């Protein structure tokens, strides 16, 4: 499958690239700075930015699916980077394809707020991530309002541990509390969605 990965130079994006390559996918990566893509072997690099809609046409050409692990710099200031980028991406995908989008946000966005660990809910979120997650909530809303075949993946706190394949997936958050999950497991779950409609137009939360 021909897959465009956005956020490929970040830690989760690099894990997506590694696992996608192992599965034999043809990988393209949208990167703002090609020099930041050192170590991404067997990847077609496309210089561009979600905030510059004009760069998305070439990036999306002939792709079968998009995997987004895009993030934003840690800041307590209000931001619209994620929602603005989602708006550009959705418009470009609806105009020229592909239809399948698998995107990471996180536990704390939308109706998943309050479903993390005690420390995450009452310390990390209000002190460090409040403004970012407000924008992740807007990002989710943009994607949900689209006509795309989307899946929004909401991982718990990310770690650099190995892939285990042993994690919980919930779309009904009643009683669900997410603690941690490895980036490797998140990447594996995202890639599984390329061949499955189980979570199409749904927002699965995942945690160990």
N, C-alpha and C. Protein backbone atom coordinates (compact mmCIF):
# COMPACT_ATOMS: atom_id res chain seq x y z
N UNK A 1 0.84 -1.19 0.00
CA UNK A 1 0.00 0.00 0.00
C UNK A 1 0.88 1.24 0.00
N UNK A 2 0.45 2.27 -0.71
CA UNK A 2 1.18 3.54 -0.75
C UNK A 2 0.65 4.43 0.37
N UNK A 3 1.53 4.75 1.32
CA UNK A 3 1.12 5.42 2.55
C UNK A 3 1.91 6.71 2.73
N UNK A 4 1.20 7.80 2.98
CA UNK A 4 1.83 9.06 3.35
C UNK A 4 1.81 9.17 4.87
N UNK A 5 3.00 9.37 5.46
CA UNK A 5 3.11 9.54 6.91
C UNK A 5 3.44 10.99 7.20
N UNK A 6 2.63 11.60 8.04
CA UNK A 6 2.85 12.98 8.46
C UNK A 6 3.33 12.96 9.90
N UNK A 7 4.37 13.73 10.20
CA UNK A 7 4.99 13.66 11.52
C UNK A 7 6.00 12.53 11.60
N UNK A 8 6.59 12.17 10.45
CA UNK A 8 7.47 11.00 10.38
C UNK A 8 8.79 11.20 11.09
N UNK A 9 9.18 12.45 11.36
CA UNK A 9 10.47 12.69 12.01
C UNK A 9 10.36 12.69 13.53
N UNK A 10 9.16 12.63 14.08
CA UNK A 10 8.98 12.54 15.52
C UNK A 10 9.13 11.11 16.00
N UNK A 11 9.16 10.89 17.32
CA UNK A 11 9.40 9.53 17.83
C UNK A 11 8.33 8.52 17.45
N UNK A 12 7.08 8.90 17.47
CA UNK A 12 6.02 7.97 17.05
C UNK A 12 6.03 7.82 15.54
N UNK A 13 6.26 8.90 14.82
CA UNK A 13 6.33 8.84 13.37
C UNK A 13 7.44 7.93 12.88
N UNK A 14 8.59 8.00 13.53
CA UNK A 14 9.70 7.12 13.14
C UNK A 14 9.35 5.66 13.37
N UNK A 15 8.62 5.38 14.44
CA UNK A 15 8.19 4.00 14.68
C UNK A 15 7.18 3.57 13.62
N UNK A 16 6.31 4.47 13.20
CA UNK A 16 5.39 4.17 12.11
C UNK A 16 6.15 3.83 10.83
N UNK A 17 7.16 4.63 10.52
CA UNK A 17 7.97 4.37 9.33
C UNK A 17 8.62 3.00 9.41
N UNK A 18 9.23 2.70 10.56
CA UNK A 18 9.93 1.43 10.71
C UNK A 18 8.98 0.25 10.51
N UNK A 19 7.83 0.29 11.17
CA UNK A 19 6.91 -0.83 11.06
C UNK A 19 6.24 -0.90 9.69
N UNK A 20 5.95 0.25 9.09
CA UNK A 20 5.35 0.25 7.75
C UNK A 20 6.33 -0.34 6.73
N UNK A 21 7.60 -0.03 6.91
CA UNK A 21 8.61 -0.59 6.01
C UNK A 21 8.67 -2.10 6.17
N UNK A 22 8.61 -2.59 7.41
CA UNK A 22 8.64 -4.04 7.66
C UNK A 22 7.46 -4.74 7.00
N UNK A 23 6.32 -4.03 6.90
CA UNK A 23 5.13 -4.62 6.31
C UNK A 23 5.10 -4.48 4.79
N UNK A 24 6.11 -3.84 4.23
CA UNK A 24 6.22 -3.75 2.79
C UNK A 24 5.47 -2.61 2.14
N UNK A 25 5.01 -1.64 2.94
CA UNK A 25 4.32 -0.49 2.37
C UNK A 25 5.31 0.43 1.65
N UNK A 26 4.83 1.10 0.64
CA UNK A 26 5.60 2.15 -0.04
C UNK A 26 5.35 3.45 0.71
N UNK A 27 6.39 4.00 1.32
CA UNK A 27 6.22 5.09 2.27
C UNK A 27 6.68 6.42 1.69
N UNK A 28 5.83 7.44 1.83
CA UNK A 28 6.21 8.82 1.59
C UNK A 28 6.06 9.56 2.92
N UNK A 29 6.87 10.61 3.11
CA UNK A 29 6.80 11.38 4.33
C UNK A 29 6.80 12.86 4.00
N UNK A 30 5.83 13.57 4.57
CA UNK A 30 5.78 15.02 4.45
C UNK A 30 6.64 15.61 5.55
N UNK A 31 7.69 16.33 5.18
CA UNK A 31 8.63 16.87 6.17
C UNK A 31 8.87 18.35 5.91
N UNK A 32 8.92 19.11 6.99
CA UNK A 32 9.23 20.54 6.84
C UNK A 32 10.71 20.75 6.55
N UNK A 33 11.55 19.94 7.19
CA UNK A 33 13.00 20.05 7.01
C UNK A 33 13.56 18.68 6.67
N UNK A 34 13.92 18.46 5.42
CA UNK A 34 14.46 17.16 5.03
C UNK A 34 15.67 16.73 5.85
N UNK A 35 16.46 17.70 6.35
CA UNK A 35 17.64 17.33 7.15
C UNK A 35 17.24 16.68 8.47
N UNK A 36 15.99 16.90 8.93
CA UNK A 36 15.52 16.28 10.16
C UNK A 36 15.12 14.83 9.95
N UNK A 37 15.11 14.38 8.69
CA UNK A 37 14.67 13.03 8.37
C UNK A 37 15.82 12.03 8.31
N UNK A 38 16.96 12.38 8.87
CA UNK A 38 18.11 11.47 8.88
C UNK A 38 17.71 10.14 9.51
N UNK A 39 18.09 9.06 8.87
CA UNK A 39 17.79 7.73 9.39
C UNK A 39 16.50 7.13 8.88
N UNK A 40 15.71 7.90 8.13
CA UNK A 40 14.47 7.35 7.55
C UNK A 40 14.80 6.69 6.22
N UNK A 41 15.13 5.42 6.28
CA UNK A 41 15.54 4.71 5.08
C UNK A 41 14.35 4.28 4.25
N UNK A 42 14.54 4.21 2.94
CA UNK A 42 13.51 3.72 2.00
C UNK A 42 12.22 4.53 2.10
N UNK A 43 12.37 5.83 2.25
CA UNK A 43 11.22 6.72 2.36
C UNK A 43 11.36 7.83 1.32
N UNK A 44 10.27 8.09 0.60
CA UNK A 44 10.24 9.22 -0.33
C UNK A 44 9.91 10.48 0.46
N UNK A 45 10.84 11.41 0.52
CA UNK A 45 10.65 12.63 1.29
C UNK A 45 10.03 13.71 0.42
N UNK A 46 8.99 14.35 0.96
CA UNK A 46 8.32 15.45 0.26
C UNK A 46 8.37 16.65 1.17
N UNK A 47 9.05 17.69 0.73
CA UNK A 47 9.16 18.90 1.55
C UNK A 47 7.82 19.63 1.55
N UNK A 48 7.30 19.87 2.75
CA UNK A 48 6.02 20.55 2.84
C UNK A 48 5.61 20.74 4.27
N UNK A 49 4.43 21.30 4.46
CA UNK A 49 3.95 21.65 5.79
C UNK A 49 2.43 21.65 5.76
N UNK A 50 1.81 21.03 6.77
CA UNK A 50 0.36 21.03 6.84
C UNK A 50 -0.21 22.44 6.89
N UNK A 51 0.56 23.38 7.38
CA UNK A 51 0.07 24.75 7.47
C UNK A 51 0.21 25.50 6.15
N UNK A 52 0.83 24.87 5.17
CA UNK A 52 0.95 25.43 3.82
C UNK A 52 0.19 24.50 2.88
N UNK A 53 -1.09 24.80 2.67
CA UNK A 53 -1.96 23.90 1.90
C UNK A 53 -1.43 23.63 0.50
N UNK A 54 -0.67 24.56 -0.07
CA UNK A 54 -0.19 24.39 -1.44
C UNK A 54 0.79 23.23 -1.57
N UNK A 55 1.39 22.78 -0.46
CA UNK A 55 2.37 21.69 -0.53
C UNK A 55 1.73 20.31 -0.46
N UNK A 56 0.42 20.24 -0.21
CA UNK A 56 -0.21 18.94 0.00
C UNK A 56 -0.57 18.21 -1.28
N UNK A 57 -0.70 18.94 -2.37
CA UNK A 57 -1.10 18.30 -3.62
C UNK A 57 -0.10 17.24 -4.03
N UNK A 58 1.17 17.58 -4.05
CA UNK A 58 2.20 16.62 -4.44
C UNK A 58 2.30 15.50 -3.41
N UNK A 59 2.17 15.84 -2.14
CA UNK A 59 2.28 14.83 -1.09
C UNK A 59 1.20 13.76 -1.19
N UNK A 60 -0.01 14.14 -1.57
CA UNK A 60 -1.14 13.21 -1.61
C UNK A 60 -1.28 12.48 -2.94
N UNK A 61 -0.54 12.92 -3.94
CA UNK A 61 -0.69 12.32 -5.26
C UNK A 61 -0.40 10.81 -5.23
N UNK A 62 -1.35 10.02 -5.72
CA UNK A 62 -1.21 8.57 -5.86
C UNK A 62 -1.08 7.82 -4.54
N UNK A 63 -1.47 8.43 -3.42
CA UNK A 63 -1.42 7.73 -2.15
C UNK A 63 -2.70 6.93 -1.91
N UNK A 64 -2.57 5.85 -1.13
CA UNK A 64 -3.74 5.04 -0.77
C UNK A 64 -4.29 5.39 0.61
N UNK A 65 -3.44 5.92 1.48
CA UNK A 65 -3.86 6.22 2.85
C UNK A 65 -2.90 7.22 3.46
N UNK A 66 -3.36 7.87 4.52
CA UNK A 66 -2.54 8.83 5.27
C UNK A 66 -2.53 8.43 6.74
N UNK A 67 -1.33 8.39 7.32
CA UNK A 67 -1.16 8.19 8.75
C UNK A 67 -0.57 9.47 9.33
N UNK A 68 -1.23 10.05 10.31
CA UNK A 68 -0.76 11.30 10.88
C UNK A 68 -0.36 11.12 12.34
N UNK A 69 0.91 11.39 12.61
CA UNK A 69 1.44 11.41 13.97
C UNK A 69 1.96 12.80 14.28
N UNK A 70 1.35 13.80 13.66
CA UNK A 70 1.84 15.17 13.81
C UNK A 70 1.60 15.66 15.24
N UNK A 71 2.58 16.37 15.74
CA UNK A 71 2.47 16.94 17.07
C UNK A 71 2.75 18.43 17.02
N UNK A 72 2.95 19.00 18.19
CA UNK A 72 3.26 20.43 18.28
C UNK A 72 4.20 20.64 19.44
N UNK A 73 4.93 21.73 19.43
CA UNK A 73 5.89 22.03 20.49
C UNK A 73 5.15 22.23 21.81
N UNK A 74 5.76 21.74 22.88
CA UNK A 74 5.17 21.92 24.20
C UNK A 74 5.13 23.40 24.55
N UNK A 75 3.92 23.88 24.82
CA UNK A 75 3.74 25.29 25.15
C UNK A 75 2.44 25.45 25.92
N UNK A 76 2.39 26.44 26.80
CA UNK A 76 1.17 26.73 27.53
C UNK A 76 0.38 27.85 26.87
N UNK A 77 0.87 28.31 25.71
CA UNK A 77 0.18 29.39 25.00
C UNK A 77 -0.90 28.80 24.08
N UNK A 78 -1.97 29.52 23.84
CA UNK A 78 -2.99 29.05 22.90
C UNK A 78 -2.39 28.77 21.53
N UNK A 79 -2.88 27.73 20.88
CA UNK A 79 -2.38 27.35 19.56
C UNK A 79 -3.52 26.84 18.70
N UNK A 80 -3.37 26.98 17.39
CA UNK A 80 -4.33 26.41 16.45
C UNK A 80 -3.60 25.59 15.39
N UNK A 81 -2.35 25.24 15.63
CA UNK A 81 -1.55 24.55 14.62
C UNK A 81 -2.15 23.22 14.20
N UNK A 82 -2.59 22.43 15.18
CA UNK A 82 -3.11 21.11 14.85
C UNK A 82 -4.44 21.19 14.12
N UNK A 83 -5.34 22.05 14.58
CA UNK A 83 -6.64 22.17 13.92
C UNK A 83 -6.51 22.84 12.55
N UNK A 84 -5.63 23.82 12.42
CA UNK A 84 -5.41 24.44 11.11
C UNK A 84 -4.82 23.43 10.14
N UNK A 85 -3.86 22.65 10.61
CA UNK A 85 -3.27 21.62 9.76
C UNK A 85 -4.28 20.57 9.35
N UNK A 86 -5.14 20.16 10.30
CA UNK A 86 -6.18 19.18 9.98
C UNK A 86 -7.14 19.72 8.94
N UNK A 87 -7.46 20.99 9.05
CA UNK A 87 -8.38 21.61 8.09
C UNK A 87 -7.79 21.58 6.68
N UNK A 88 -6.51 21.90 6.56
CA UNK A 88 -5.85 21.85 5.25
C UNK A 88 -5.78 20.43 4.72
N UNK A 89 -5.45 19.48 5.59
CA UNK A 89 -5.31 18.09 5.15
C UNK A 89 -6.64 17.52 4.71
N UNK A 90 -7.69 17.74 5.49
CA UNK A 90 -9.02 17.23 5.13
C UNK A 90 -9.46 17.80 3.80
N UNK A 91 -9.29 19.10 3.60
CA UNK A 91 -9.71 19.72 2.34
C UNK A 91 -8.96 19.12 1.16
N UNK A 92 -7.66 18.91 1.33
CA UNK A 92 -6.86 18.35 0.24
C UNK A 92 -7.24 16.91 -0.04
N UNK A 93 -7.47 16.12 1.01
CA UNK A 93 -7.85 14.73 0.81
C UNK A 93 -9.23 14.62 0.18
N UNK A 94 -10.16 15.45 0.59
CA UNK A 94 -11.49 15.41 -0.01
C UNK A 94 -11.45 15.84 -1.47
N UNK A 95 -10.52 16.69 -1.81
CA UNK A 95 -10.42 17.18 -3.18
C UNK A 95 -9.78 16.15 -4.11
N UNK A 96 -8.74 15.48 -3.64
CA UNK A 96 -7.96 14.63 -4.55
C UNK A 96 -7.69 13.23 -4.03
N UNK A 97 -8.14 12.89 -2.81
CA UNK A 97 -7.86 11.58 -2.26
C UNK A 97 -6.51 11.59 -1.57
N UNK A 98 -6.20 10.50 -0.87
CA UNK A 98 -6.97 9.28 -0.63
C UNK A 98 -8.11 9.49 0.37
N UNK A 99 -8.87 8.43 0.63
CA UNK A 99 -10.01 8.54 1.53
C UNK A 99 -9.67 8.14 2.98
N UNK A 100 -8.68 7.28 3.16
CA UNK A 100 -8.40 6.70 4.48
C UNK A 100 -7.41 7.56 5.25
N UNK A 101 -7.82 7.99 6.46
CA UNK A 101 -6.97 8.79 7.34
C UNK A 101 -6.99 8.17 8.72
N UNK A 102 -5.80 7.88 9.24
CA UNK A 102 -5.65 7.41 10.63
C UNK A 102 -4.78 8.44 11.34
N UNK A 103 -5.32 9.06 12.37
CA UNK A 103 -4.68 10.20 13.01
C UNK A 103 -4.59 10.01 14.52
N UNK A 104 -3.46 10.36 15.11
CA UNK A 104 -3.29 10.33 16.56
C UNK A 104 -3.72 11.67 17.16
N UNK A 105 -4.46 11.60 18.25
CA UNK A 105 -4.62 12.77 19.12
C UNK A 105 -4.13 12.36 20.51
N UNK A 106 -5.02 11.98 21.41
CA UNK A 106 -4.58 11.52 22.71
C UNK A 106 -5.71 11.51 23.71
N UNK A 107 -5.58 10.70 24.76
CA UNK A 107 -6.54 10.73 25.85
C UNK A 107 -6.46 12.11 26.51
N UNK A 108 -7.59 12.77 26.59
CA UNK A 108 -7.64 14.15 27.06
C UNK A 108 -8.29 15.04 26.04
N UNK A 109 -8.39 14.56 24.79
CA UNK A 109 -9.08 15.32 23.74
C UNK A 109 -10.56 14.96 23.74
N UNK A 110 -11.39 15.94 23.44
CA UNK A 110 -12.83 15.69 23.33
C UNK A 110 -13.41 15.04 24.56
N UNK A 111 -14.25 14.03 24.35
CA UNK A 111 -14.92 13.40 25.49
C UNK A 111 -14.03 12.41 26.23
N UNK A 112 -12.75 12.31 25.84
CA UNK A 112 -11.83 11.45 26.59
C UNK A 112 -11.15 12.21 27.73
N UNK A 113 -11.43 13.50 27.86
CA UNK A 113 -10.86 14.28 28.95
C UNK A 113 -11.27 13.67 30.30
N UNK A 114 -10.29 13.53 31.18
CA UNK A 114 -10.56 12.95 32.49
C UNK A 114 -10.40 11.45 32.55
N UNK A 115 -10.01 10.82 31.43
CA UNK A 115 -9.87 9.36 31.39
C UNK A 115 -8.41 8.91 31.43
N UNK A 116 -7.51 9.81 31.81
CA UNK A 116 -6.13 9.43 32.04
C UNK A 116 -5.90 9.07 33.50
N UNK A 117 -4.64 8.88 33.86
CA UNK A 117 -4.31 8.60 35.25
C UNK A 117 -4.56 9.83 36.12
N UNK A 118 -4.56 9.66 37.43
CA UNK A 118 -4.80 10.78 38.35
C UNK A 118 -3.79 11.89 38.11
N UNK A 119 -2.50 11.54 38.03
CA UNK A 119 -1.46 12.56 37.84
C UNK A 119 -1.62 13.26 36.50
N UNK A 120 -1.98 12.49 35.48
CA UNK A 120 -2.16 13.07 34.15
C UNK A 120 -3.34 14.04 34.13
N UNK A 121 -4.46 13.62 34.72
CA UNK A 121 -5.67 14.45 34.71
C UNK A 121 -5.51 15.74 35.51
N UNK A 122 -4.82 15.66 36.66
CA UNK A 122 -4.83 16.77 37.61
C UNK A 122 -3.51 17.55 37.68
N UNK A 123 -2.45 17.02 37.07
CA UNK A 123 -1.17 17.73 37.09
C UNK A 123 -0.68 18.02 35.67
N UNK A 124 -0.43 16.97 34.90
CA UNK A 124 0.16 17.14 33.56
C UNK A 124 -0.78 17.94 32.66
N UNK A 125 -2.03 17.55 32.61
CA UNK A 125 -2.97 18.21 31.70
C UNK A 125 -3.17 19.70 32.04
N UNK A 126 -3.56 20.05 33.26
CA UNK A 126 -3.81 21.47 33.53
C UNK A 126 -2.56 22.33 33.53
N UNK A 127 -1.42 21.77 33.95
CA UNK A 127 -0.21 22.58 34.08
C UNK A 127 0.58 22.70 32.77
N UNK A 128 0.52 21.68 31.93
CA UNK A 128 1.38 21.67 30.75
C UNK A 128 0.63 21.56 29.41
N UNK A 129 -0.46 20.83 29.37
CA UNK A 129 -1.04 20.43 28.09
C UNK A 129 -2.41 21.03 27.80
N UNK A 130 -2.90 21.88 28.65
CA UNK A 130 -4.28 22.36 28.51
C UNK A 130 -4.55 22.98 27.15
N UNK A 131 -3.71 23.91 26.71
CA UNK A 131 -3.95 24.60 25.45
C UNK A 131 -3.76 23.67 24.25
N UNK A 132 -2.77 22.79 24.34
CA UNK A 132 -2.54 21.84 23.25
C UNK A 132 -3.75 20.93 23.08
N UNK A 133 -4.32 20.48 24.20
CA UNK A 133 -5.45 19.56 24.09
C UNK A 133 -6.74 20.26 23.71
N UNK A 134 -6.84 21.53 23.97
CA UNK A 134 -7.96 22.28 23.42
C UNK A 134 -7.88 22.25 21.89
N UNK A 135 -6.67 22.37 21.36
CA UNK A 135 -6.52 22.34 19.91
C UNK A 135 -6.67 20.93 19.36
N UNK A 136 -6.23 19.91 20.12
CA UNK A 136 -6.48 18.54 19.69
C UNK A 136 -7.99 18.27 19.60
N UNK A 137 -8.75 18.84 20.52
CA UNK A 137 -10.20 18.70 20.46
C UNK A 137 -10.76 19.34 19.19
N UNK A 138 -10.26 20.52 18.85
CA UNK A 138 -10.68 21.15 17.59
C UNK A 138 -10.22 20.32 16.39
N UNK A 139 -9.02 19.77 16.46
CA UNK A 139 -8.50 18.90 15.40
C UNK A 139 -9.43 17.71 15.17
N UNK A 140 -9.85 17.06 16.26
CA UNK A 140 -10.77 15.94 16.14
C UNK A 140 -12.08 16.37 15.48
N UNK A 141 -12.59 17.52 15.87
CA UNK A 141 -13.87 17.99 15.32
C UNK A 141 -13.78 18.22 13.82
N UNK A 142 -12.66 18.76 13.36
CA UNK A 142 -12.47 18.98 11.92
C UNK A 142 -12.51 17.65 11.18
N UNK A 143 -11.80 16.67 11.70
CA UNK A 143 -11.74 15.37 11.04
C UNK A 143 -13.10 14.67 11.08
N UNK A 144 -13.78 14.73 12.22
CA UNK A 144 -15.08 14.09 12.36
C UNK A 144 -16.12 14.68 11.41
N UNK A 145 -15.99 15.95 11.11
CA UNK A 145 -16.96 16.61 10.23
C UNK A 145 -16.70 16.33 8.76
N UNK A 146 -15.60 15.65 8.46
CA UNK A 146 -15.23 15.40 7.06
C UNK A 146 -15.98 14.21 6.50
N UNK A 147 -15.85 14.02 5.19
CA UNK A 147 -16.45 12.87 4.52
C UNK A 147 -15.46 11.71 4.40
N UNK A 148 -14.29 11.84 5.01
CA UNK A 148 -13.24 10.83 4.88
C UNK A 148 -13.57 9.57 5.68
N UNK A 149 -12.88 8.50 5.36
CA UNK A 149 -12.93 7.28 6.16
C UNK A 149 -11.84 7.41 7.23
N UNK A 150 -12.17 8.06 8.32
CA UNK A 150 -11.17 8.40 9.33
C UNK A 150 -11.24 7.47 10.54
N UNK A 151 -10.11 7.35 11.20
CA UNK A 151 -10.02 6.78 12.54
C UNK A 151 -9.13 7.70 13.35
N UNK A 152 -9.61 8.13 14.51
CA UNK A 152 -8.83 8.99 15.39
C UNK A 152 -8.40 8.14 16.58
N UNK A 153 -7.10 7.96 16.73
CA UNK A 153 -6.54 7.10 17.77
C UNK A 153 -6.13 7.97 18.96
N UNK A 154 -6.62 7.59 20.14
CA UNK A 154 -6.34 8.36 21.36
C UNK A 154 -5.49 7.52 22.31
N UNK A 155 -4.17 7.60 22.19
CA UNK A 155 -3.33 6.83 23.09
C UNK A 155 -3.22 7.47 24.47
N UNK A 156 -2.94 6.63 25.46
CA UNK A 156 -2.58 7.11 26.78
C UNK A 156 -1.17 7.70 26.72
N UNK A 157 -0.60 8.02 27.87
CA UNK A 157 0.74 8.60 27.91
C UNK A 157 1.73 7.70 27.18
N UNK A 158 2.51 8.29 26.28
CA UNK A 158 3.38 7.51 25.40
C UNK A 158 4.73 7.22 26.05
N UNK A 159 5.21 6.00 25.81
CA UNK A 159 6.53 5.60 26.30
C UNK A 159 7.35 5.08 25.12
N UNK A 160 8.63 4.86 25.37
CA UNK A 160 9.53 4.33 24.33
C UNK A 160 9.75 2.83 24.49
N UNK A 161 8.85 2.17 25.18
CA UNK A 161 8.99 0.73 25.39
C UNK A 161 8.75 -0.07 24.12
N UNK A 162 8.96 -1.38 24.19
CA UNK A 162 8.80 -2.24 23.01
C UNK A 162 7.33 -2.50 22.69
N UNK A 163 7.11 -3.00 21.49
CA UNK A 163 5.76 -3.45 21.12
C UNK A 163 5.42 -4.71 21.90
N UNK A 164 4.23 -4.74 22.48
CA UNK A 164 3.79 -5.92 23.23
C UNK A 164 2.57 -6.57 22.59
N UNK A 165 1.77 -5.78 21.89
CA UNK A 165 0.52 -6.30 21.34
C UNK A 165 -0.54 -6.50 22.41
N UNK A 166 -0.19 -6.22 23.68
CA UNK A 166 -1.11 -6.41 24.80
C UNK A 166 -1.59 -5.05 25.27
N UNK A 167 -2.66 -4.59 24.70
CA UNK A 167 -3.21 -3.30 25.10
C UNK A 167 -4.73 -3.35 25.01
N UNK A 168 -5.36 -2.39 25.71
CA UNK A 168 -6.81 -2.29 25.73
C UNK A 168 -7.25 -1.24 24.72
N UNK A 169 -8.36 -1.51 24.05
CA UNK A 169 -8.95 -0.57 23.10
C UNK A 169 -10.38 -0.31 23.53
N UNK A 170 -10.75 0.96 23.62
CA UNK A 170 -12.11 1.29 24.07
C UNK A 170 -12.67 2.43 23.24
N UNK A 171 -13.88 2.26 22.76
CA UNK A 171 -14.63 3.36 22.17
C UNK A 171 -15.73 3.84 23.11
N UNK A 172 -16.16 2.98 24.00
CA UNK A 172 -17.05 3.36 25.10
C UNK A 172 -16.14 3.62 26.30
N UNK A 173 -16.05 4.87 26.72
CA UNK A 173 -15.09 5.25 27.76
C UNK A 173 -15.63 5.09 29.17
N UNK A 174 -16.81 4.55 29.33
CA UNK A 174 -17.38 4.35 30.66
C UNK A 174 -16.45 3.45 31.48
N UNK A 175 -15.90 4.00 32.55
CA UNK A 175 -15.01 3.23 33.41
C UNK A 175 -13.61 3.05 32.88
N UNK A 176 -13.31 3.60 31.71
CA UNK A 176 -11.99 3.42 31.12
C UNK A 176 -11.01 4.45 31.70
N UNK A 177 -9.85 3.97 32.13
CA UNK A 177 -8.77 4.84 32.58
C UNK A 177 -7.50 4.41 31.85
N UNK A 178 -6.90 5.34 31.12
CA UNK A 178 -5.68 5.04 30.39
C UNK A 178 -4.46 5.44 31.19
N UNK A 179 -3.44 4.61 31.18
CA UNK A 179 -2.22 4.94 31.92
C UNK A 179 -1.08 5.23 30.95
N UNK A 180 -0.50 4.20 30.38
CA UNK A 180 0.61 4.38 29.45
C UNK A 180 0.50 3.37 28.32
N UNK A 181 1.20 3.65 27.23
CA UNK A 181 1.29 2.72 26.12
C UNK A 181 2.54 3.07 25.31
N UNK A 182 3.19 2.08 24.76
CA UNK A 182 4.40 2.35 23.99
C UNK A 182 4.07 2.90 22.61
N UNK A 183 4.96 3.74 22.11
CA UNK A 183 4.80 4.24 20.75
C UNK A 183 4.79 3.09 19.74
N UNK A 184 5.54 2.04 20.04
CA UNK A 184 5.57 0.88 19.14
C UNK A 184 4.20 0.23 19.05
N UNK A 185 3.50 0.11 20.17
CA UNK A 185 2.16 -0.46 20.14
C UNK A 185 1.18 0.47 19.43
N UNK A 186 1.32 1.77 19.63
CA UNK A 186 0.45 2.72 18.93
C UNK A 186 0.65 2.62 17.43
N UNK A 187 1.90 2.56 17.00
CA UNK A 187 2.19 2.44 15.57
C UNK A 187 1.61 1.15 15.01
N UNK A 188 1.77 0.07 15.73
CA UNK A 188 1.22 -1.20 15.27
C UNK A 188 -0.29 -1.15 15.14
N UNK A 189 -0.96 -0.52 16.10
CA UNK A 189 -2.41 -0.40 16.05
C UNK A 189 -2.83 0.45 14.85
N UNK A 190 -2.14 1.56 14.62
CA UNK A 190 -2.48 2.43 13.49
C UNK A 190 -2.35 1.69 12.17
N UNK A 191 -1.28 0.94 12.02
CA UNK A 191 -1.07 0.23 10.76
C UNK A 191 -2.12 -0.85 10.54
N UNK A 192 -2.60 -1.45 11.60
CA UNK A 192 -3.66 -2.45 11.46
C UNK A 192 -4.93 -1.84 10.87
N UNK A 193 -5.15 -0.56 11.12
CA UNK A 193 -6.37 0.09 10.65
C UNK A 193 -6.39 0.26 9.13
N UNK A 194 -5.23 0.15 8.49
CA UNK A 194 -5.19 0.29 7.04
C UNK A 194 -5.93 -0.84 6.35
N UNK A 195 -6.00 -2.00 7.01
CA UNK A 195 -6.64 -3.17 6.41
C UNK A 195 -7.93 -3.54 7.13
N UNK A 196 -8.45 -2.63 7.95
CA UNK A 196 -9.63 -2.94 8.75
C UNK A 196 -10.57 -1.75 8.79
N UNK A 197 -11.86 -2.06 8.80
CA UNK A 197 -12.88 -1.01 8.95
C UNK A 197 -13.49 -1.06 10.35
N UNK A 198 -12.91 -1.84 11.26
CA UNK A 198 -13.50 -2.01 12.59
C UNK A 198 -13.67 -0.68 13.32
N UNK A 199 -12.69 0.20 13.17
CA UNK A 199 -12.75 1.48 13.87
C UNK A 199 -12.91 2.66 12.91
N UNK A 200 -13.47 2.40 11.73
CA UNK A 200 -13.72 3.48 10.79
C UNK A 200 -14.74 4.45 11.37
N UNK A 201 -14.42 5.74 11.30
CA UNK A 201 -15.26 6.82 11.82
C UNK A 201 -15.56 6.63 13.31
N UNK A 202 -14.54 6.15 14.03
CA UNK A 202 -14.63 5.97 15.47
C UNK A 202 -13.35 6.50 16.12
N UNK A 203 -13.37 6.64 17.45
CA UNK A 203 -12.27 7.25 18.18
C UNK A 203 -11.78 6.28 19.27
N UNK A 204 -11.04 5.25 18.91
CA UNK A 204 -10.57 4.30 19.91
C UNK A 204 -9.50 4.88 20.82
N UNK A 205 -9.67 4.71 22.13
CA UNK A 205 -8.63 5.02 23.10
C UNK A 205 -7.85 3.73 23.36
N UNK A 206 -6.53 3.85 23.50
CA UNK A 206 -5.71 2.65 23.70
C UNK A 206 -4.75 2.88 24.87
N UNK A 207 -4.57 1.83 25.67
CA UNK A 207 -3.68 1.90 26.82
C UNK A 207 -3.24 0.49 27.17
N UNK A 208 -2.12 0.37 27.91
CA UNK A 208 -1.69 -0.95 28.33
C UNK A 208 -2.57 -1.45 29.46
